[in-house]
Structures are given as C-alpha cells and as structure tokens.
C-alpha cells in the first residue's frame, strides 16, 4: 500500500508487527515507509497473561545506531483477557519520535509474564 506522504497533518495507522509470545523476551522490528511523528502505539493480546505484568518498550532505530526508547506498553496480568488492548505511555521527545522513511519501529518485550500469548501492535503516526 502506497502512503501519501505529501500532506502535513495526515494521520497513518501502521500495522506494526507481532510477537508470537509476548510472555517470552522477544522483539518485533517494523520498517516505517514514510516520514512522520509517532503519536501513539497499541497492542492487543490473543490470550490472558499470568504471573506478572509484561512491559513492552517502544523504540526507534536509525541504521545501526542504538535504539531510542519512546515509551512503554504494560500488559497487566491482573484482569488479563483475550482481545485486551493496551495503549502506550509515550515518554520520548517529539524529535526522537520523528521518523524518516526507512527508520525502524521496535516493540521489545521483557517477557516477565507467563502463558503464551500472541501480541499484535500498531503505530499511529502524524505526517510532517
């Protein structure tokens, strides 16, 4: 799908990867095909997680540079259920959340919970 990148203020939702088991330490790397600022990120799980909360760190990587932390998504064990969605708590500065075409959006799970659960992610970007 081609993205129209000529309009400042346009909002794009980028299906942004999947972790086959968010309860295991794992990382999803997603190329960003346009210039824009990450304004939000979400996850949705396919099974309840147990034992402990899992933290998924949202990051940006440019080339081989060290990835920059932009925020976190907490997948809580308490009340966890199939289809539960979680919104990111964004902490990165606007300049750090600005992506160029070809930069990489990363979802990095600490794997602290138990019970295998697929987690799907998306990123919400605002055009520059």
C-alpha atoms as a PDB file:
ATOM      1  CA  UNK A   1       0.000   0.000   0.000  1.00  0.00           C
ATOM      2  CA  UNK A   2       1.420   3.354  -1.002  1.00  0.00           C
ATOM      3  CA  UNK A   3       1.301   6.100   1.590  1.00  0.00           C
ATOM      4  CA  UNK A   4       0.639   9.669   0.517  1.00  0.00           C
ATOM      5  CA  UNK A   5       3.439  11.489   2.270  1.00  0.00           C
ATOM      6  CA  UNK A   6       2.841  14.941   0.790  1.00  0.00           C
ATOM      7  CA  UNK A   7       0.311  16.191   3.338  1.00  0.00           C
ATOM      8  CA  UNK A   8       1.369  17.594   6.689  1.00  0.00           C
ATOM      9  CA  UNK A   9      -1.076  16.601   9.393  1.00  0.00           C
ATOM     10  CA  UNK A  10      -2.184  13.354   7.730  1.00  0.00           C
ATOM     11  CA  UNK A  11      -2.544  10.513  10.262  1.00  0.00           C
ATOM     12  CA  UNK A  12      -1.443   6.990   9.326  1.00  0.00           C
ATOM     13  CA  UNK A  13      -2.024   3.784  11.247  1.00  0.00           C
ATOM     14  CA  UNK A  14       0.823   1.363  10.598  1.00  0.00           C
ATOM     15  CA  UNK A  15       0.184  -2.303  11.402  1.00  0.00           C
ATOM     16  CA  UNK A  16       3.384  -2.673  13.317  1.00  0.00           C
ATOM     17  CA  UNK A  17       4.307  -6.232  13.917  1.00  0.00           C
ATOM     18  CA  UNK A  18       3.631  -9.190  16.098  1.00  0.00           C
ATOM     19  CA  UNK A  19       5.269 -11.100  18.909  1.00  0.00           C
ATOM     20  CA  UNK A  20       4.414 -14.806  18.802  1.00  0.00           C
ATOM     21  CA  UNK A  21       4.778 -14.951  22.587  1.00  0.00           C
ATOM     22  CA  UNK A  22       4.752 -11.673  24.498  1.00  0.00           C
ATOM     23  CA  UNK A  23       5.465 -13.711  27.662  1.00  0.00           C
ATOM     24  CA  UNK A  24       8.935 -14.505  26.317  1.00  0.00           C
ATOM     25  CA  UNK A  25      11.691 -11.985  25.871  1.00  0.00           C
ATOM     26  CA  UNK A  26      11.304 -11.083  22.190  1.00  0.00           C
ATOM     27  CA  UNK A  27      11.476  -8.192  19.726  1.00  0.00           C
ATOM     28  CA  UNK A  28       9.447  -7.135  16.666  1.00  0.00           C
ATOM     29  CA  UNK A  29      11.126  -4.854  14.100  1.00  0.00           C
ATOM     30  CA  UNK A  30       8.930  -2.864  11.702  1.00  0.00           C
ATOM     31  CA  UNK A  31      10.156  -0.615   8.869  1.00  0.00           C
ATOM     32  CA  UNK A  32       8.427   2.763   8.667  1.00  0.00           C
ATOM     33  CA  UNK A  33       7.784   3.667   4.976  1.00  0.00           C
ATOM     34  CA  UNK A  34       7.117   7.404   5.406  1.00  0.00           C
ATOM     35  CA  UNK A  35       8.164  10.499   7.354  1.00  0.00           C
ATOM     36  CA  UNK A  36       6.060  11.226  10.410  1.00  0.00           C
ATOM     37  CA  UNK A  37       5.902  11.549  14.177  1.00  0.00           C
ATOM     38  CA  UNK A  38       4.821   8.572  16.286  1.00  0.00           C
ATOM     39  CA  UNK A  39       1.904   9.887  18.328  1.00  0.00           C
ATOM     40  CA  UNK A  40       0.525   6.639  19.752  1.00  0.00           C
ATOM     41  CA  UNK A  41       1.043   2.874  19.863  1.00  0.00           C
ATOM     42  CA  UNK A  42      -1.266  -0.004  20.819  1.00  0.00           C
ATOM     43  CA  UNK A  43      -1.160  -3.738  21.468  1.00  0.00           C
ATOM     44  CA  UNK A  44      -3.782  -6.479  21.542  1.00  0.00           C
ATOM     45  CA  UNK A  45      -3.233  -9.943  23.045  1.00  0.00           C
ATOM     46  CA  UNK A  46      -4.643 -13.311  21.999  1.00  0.00           C
ATOM     47  CA  UNK A  47      -4.643 -14.967  25.440  1.00  0.00           C
ATOM     48  CA  UNK A  48      -4.543 -13.876  29.062  1.00  0.00           C
ATOM     49  CA  UNK A  49      -1.059 -13.492  30.516  1.00  0.00           C
ATOM     50  CA  UNK A  50      -0.396 -14.633  34.076  1.00  0.00           C
ATOM     51  CA  UNK A  51       2.077 -14.377  36.981  1.00  0.00           C
ATOM     52  CA  UNK A  52       3.432 -10.880  36.328  1.00  0.00           C
ATOM     53  CA  UNK A  53       2.997  -7.842  34.108  1.00  0.00           C
ATOM     54  CA  UNK A  54       4.920  -7.693  30.841  1.00  0.00           C
ATOM     55  CA  UNK A  55       6.445  -4.427  29.718  1.00  0.00           C
ATOM     56  CA  UNK A  56       6.880  -3.826  26.004  1.00  0.00           C
ATOM     57  CA  UNK A  57       9.281  -0.991  25.256  1.00  0.00           C
ATOM     58  CA  UNK A  58       8.550   1.043  22.120  1.00  0.00           C
ATOM     59  CA  UNK A  59      11.751   2.176  20.404  1.00  0.00           C
ATOM     60  CA  UNK A  60      13.091   3.860  17.273  1.00  0.00           C
ATOM     61  CA  UNK A  61      16.222   2.719  15.494  1.00  0.00           C
ATOM     62  CA  UNK A  62      18.004   4.595  12.740  1.00  0.00           C
ATOM     63  CA  UNK A  63      20.547   2.486  10.871  1.00  0.00           C
ATOM     64  CA  UNK A  64      22.993   0.825  13.239  1.00  0.00           C
ATOM     65  CA  UNK A  65      22.659   3.452  15.993  1.00  0.00           C
ATOM     66  CA  UNK A  66      21.495   2.421  19.447  1.00  0.00           C
ATOM     67  CA  UNK A  67      17.695   2.282  19.637  1.00  0.00           C
ATOM     68  CA  UNK A  68      15.973   5.204  21.386  1.00  0.00           C
ATOM     69  CA  UNK A  69      13.198   4.478  23.914  1.00  0.00           C
ATOM     70  CA  UNK A  70       9.946   6.268  23.038  1.00  0.00           C
ATOM     71  CA  UNK A  71       7.567   4.773  25.592  1.00  0.00           C
ATOM     72  CA  UNK A  72       6.186   1.571  27.074  1.00  0.00           C
ATOM     73  CA  UNK A  73       3.114  -0.629  26.905  1.00  0.00           C
ATOM     74  CA  UNK A  74       2.200  -2.505  30.085  1.00  0.00           C
ATOM     75  CA  UNK A  75       0.332  -5.765  29.606  1.00  0.00           C
ATOM     76  CA  UNK A  76      -1.095  -6.384  33.066  1.00  0.00           C
ATOM     77  CA  UNK A  77      -1.544  -9.930  34.366  1.00  0.00           C
ATOM     78  CA  UNK A  78      -4.376  -8.838  36.661  1.00  0.00           C
ATOM     79  CA  UNK A  79      -7.582  -8.793  34.641  1.00  0.00           C
ATOM     80  CA  UNK A  80      -5.793 -10.019  31.528  1.00  0.00           C
ATOM     81  CA  UNK A  81      -8.063 -11.493  28.840  1.00  0.00           C
ATOM     82  CA  UNK A  82      -8.267 -12.456  25.176  1.00  0.00           C
ATOM     83  CA  UNK A  83      -8.609  -9.375  22.979  1.00  0.00           C
ATOM     84  CA  UNK A  84      -7.436  -6.958  25.650  1.00  0.00           C
ATOM     85  CA  UNK A  85      -5.878  -3.806  24.215  1.00  0.00           C
ATOM     86  CA  UNK A  86      -3.235  -1.633  25.803  1.00  0.00           C
ATOM     87  CA  UNK A  87      -2.161   1.878  24.865  1.00  0.00           C
ATOM     88  CA  UNK A  88       1.420   3.051  25.083  1.00  0.00           C
ATOM     89  CA  UNK A  89       2.590   5.605  27.573  1.00  0.00           C
ATOM     90  CA  UNK A  90       4.750   7.800  25.328  1.00  0.00           C
ATOM     91  CA  UNK A  91       7.792   9.337  27.027  1.00  0.00           C
ATOM     92  CA  UNK A  92      10.145  10.168  24.150  1.00  0.00           C
ATOM     93  CA  UNK A  93      10.591  13.742  22.954  1.00  0.00           C
ATOM     94  CA  UNK A  94       8.902  14.891  19.738  1.00  0.00           C
ATOM     95  CA  UNK A  95      12.250  14.966  17.933  1.00  0.00           C
ATOM     96  CA  UNK A  96      13.011  11.379  18.999  1.00  0.00           C
ATOM     97  CA  UNK A  97       9.502  10.259  17.937  1.00  0.00           C
ATOM     98  CA  UNK A  98      10.024  11.728  14.437  1.00  0.00           C
ATOM     99  CA  UNK A  99      10.728   9.010  11.872  1.00  0.00           C
ATOM    100  CA  UNK A 100      12.102   9.248   8.348  1.00  0.00           C
ATOM    101  CA  UNK A 101      11.231   6.697   5.674  1.00  0.00           C
ATOM    102  CA  UNK A 102      13.362   3.634   6.376  1.00  0.00           C
ATOM    103  CA  UNK A 103      13.698   4.083  10.143  1.00  0.00           C
ATOM    104  CA  UNK A 104      12.695   1.105  12.288  1.00  0.00           C
ATOM    105  CA  UNK A 105       9.897   0.943  14.890  1.00  0.00           C
ATOM    106  CA  UNK A 106      10.645  -1.654  17.570  1.00  0.00           C
ATOM    107  CA  UNK A 107       8.435  -3.431  20.116  1.00  0.00           C
ATOM    108  CA  UNK A 108      10.655  -5.116  22.745  1.00  0.00           C
ATOM    109  CA  UNK A 109       9.035  -7.410  25.353  1.00  0.00           C
ATOM    110  CA  UNK A 110      10.734  -8.088  28.680  1.00  0.00           C
ATOM    111  CA  UNK A 111       8.927 -11.460  28.832  1.00  0.00           C
ATOM    112  CA  UNK A 112       8.081 -11.195  32.547  1.00  0.00           C
ATOM    113  CA  UNK A 113       4.633 -12.803  32.334  1.00  0.00           C
ATOM    114  CA  UNK A 114       3.647 -16.447  31.906  1.00  0.00           C
ATOM    115  CA  UNK A 115       1.259 -18.149  29.474  1.00  0.00           C
ATOM    116  CA  UNK A 116       1.899 -17.967  25.741  1.00  0.00           C
ATOM    117  CA  UNK A 117       0.055 -15.073  24.119  1.00  0.00           C
ATOM    118  CA  UNK A 118       0.424 -13.555  20.669  1.00  0.00           C
ATOM    119  CA  UNK A 119       0.612  -9.757  20.783  1.00  0.00           C
ATOM    120  CA  UNK A 120      -0.145  -7.598  17.749  1.00  0.00           C
ATOM    121  CA  UNK A 121       0.990  -3.975  17.588  1.00  0.00           C
ATOM    122  CA  UNK A 122       0.258  -0.837  15.638  1.00  0.00           C
ATOM    123  CA  UNK A 123       1.767   2.602  15.497  1.00  0.00           C
ATOM    124  CA  UNK A 124      -0.128   5.829  14.877  1.00  0.00           C
ATOM    125  CA  UNK A 125       1.847   8.496  13.011  1.00  0.00           C
ATOM    126  CA  UNK A 126       1.161  12.104  12.107  1.00  0.00           C
ATOM    127  CA  UNK A 127       2.638  13.348   8.831  1.00  0.00           C
ATOM    128  CA  UNK A 128       5.192  16.114   8.832  1.00  0.00           C
END
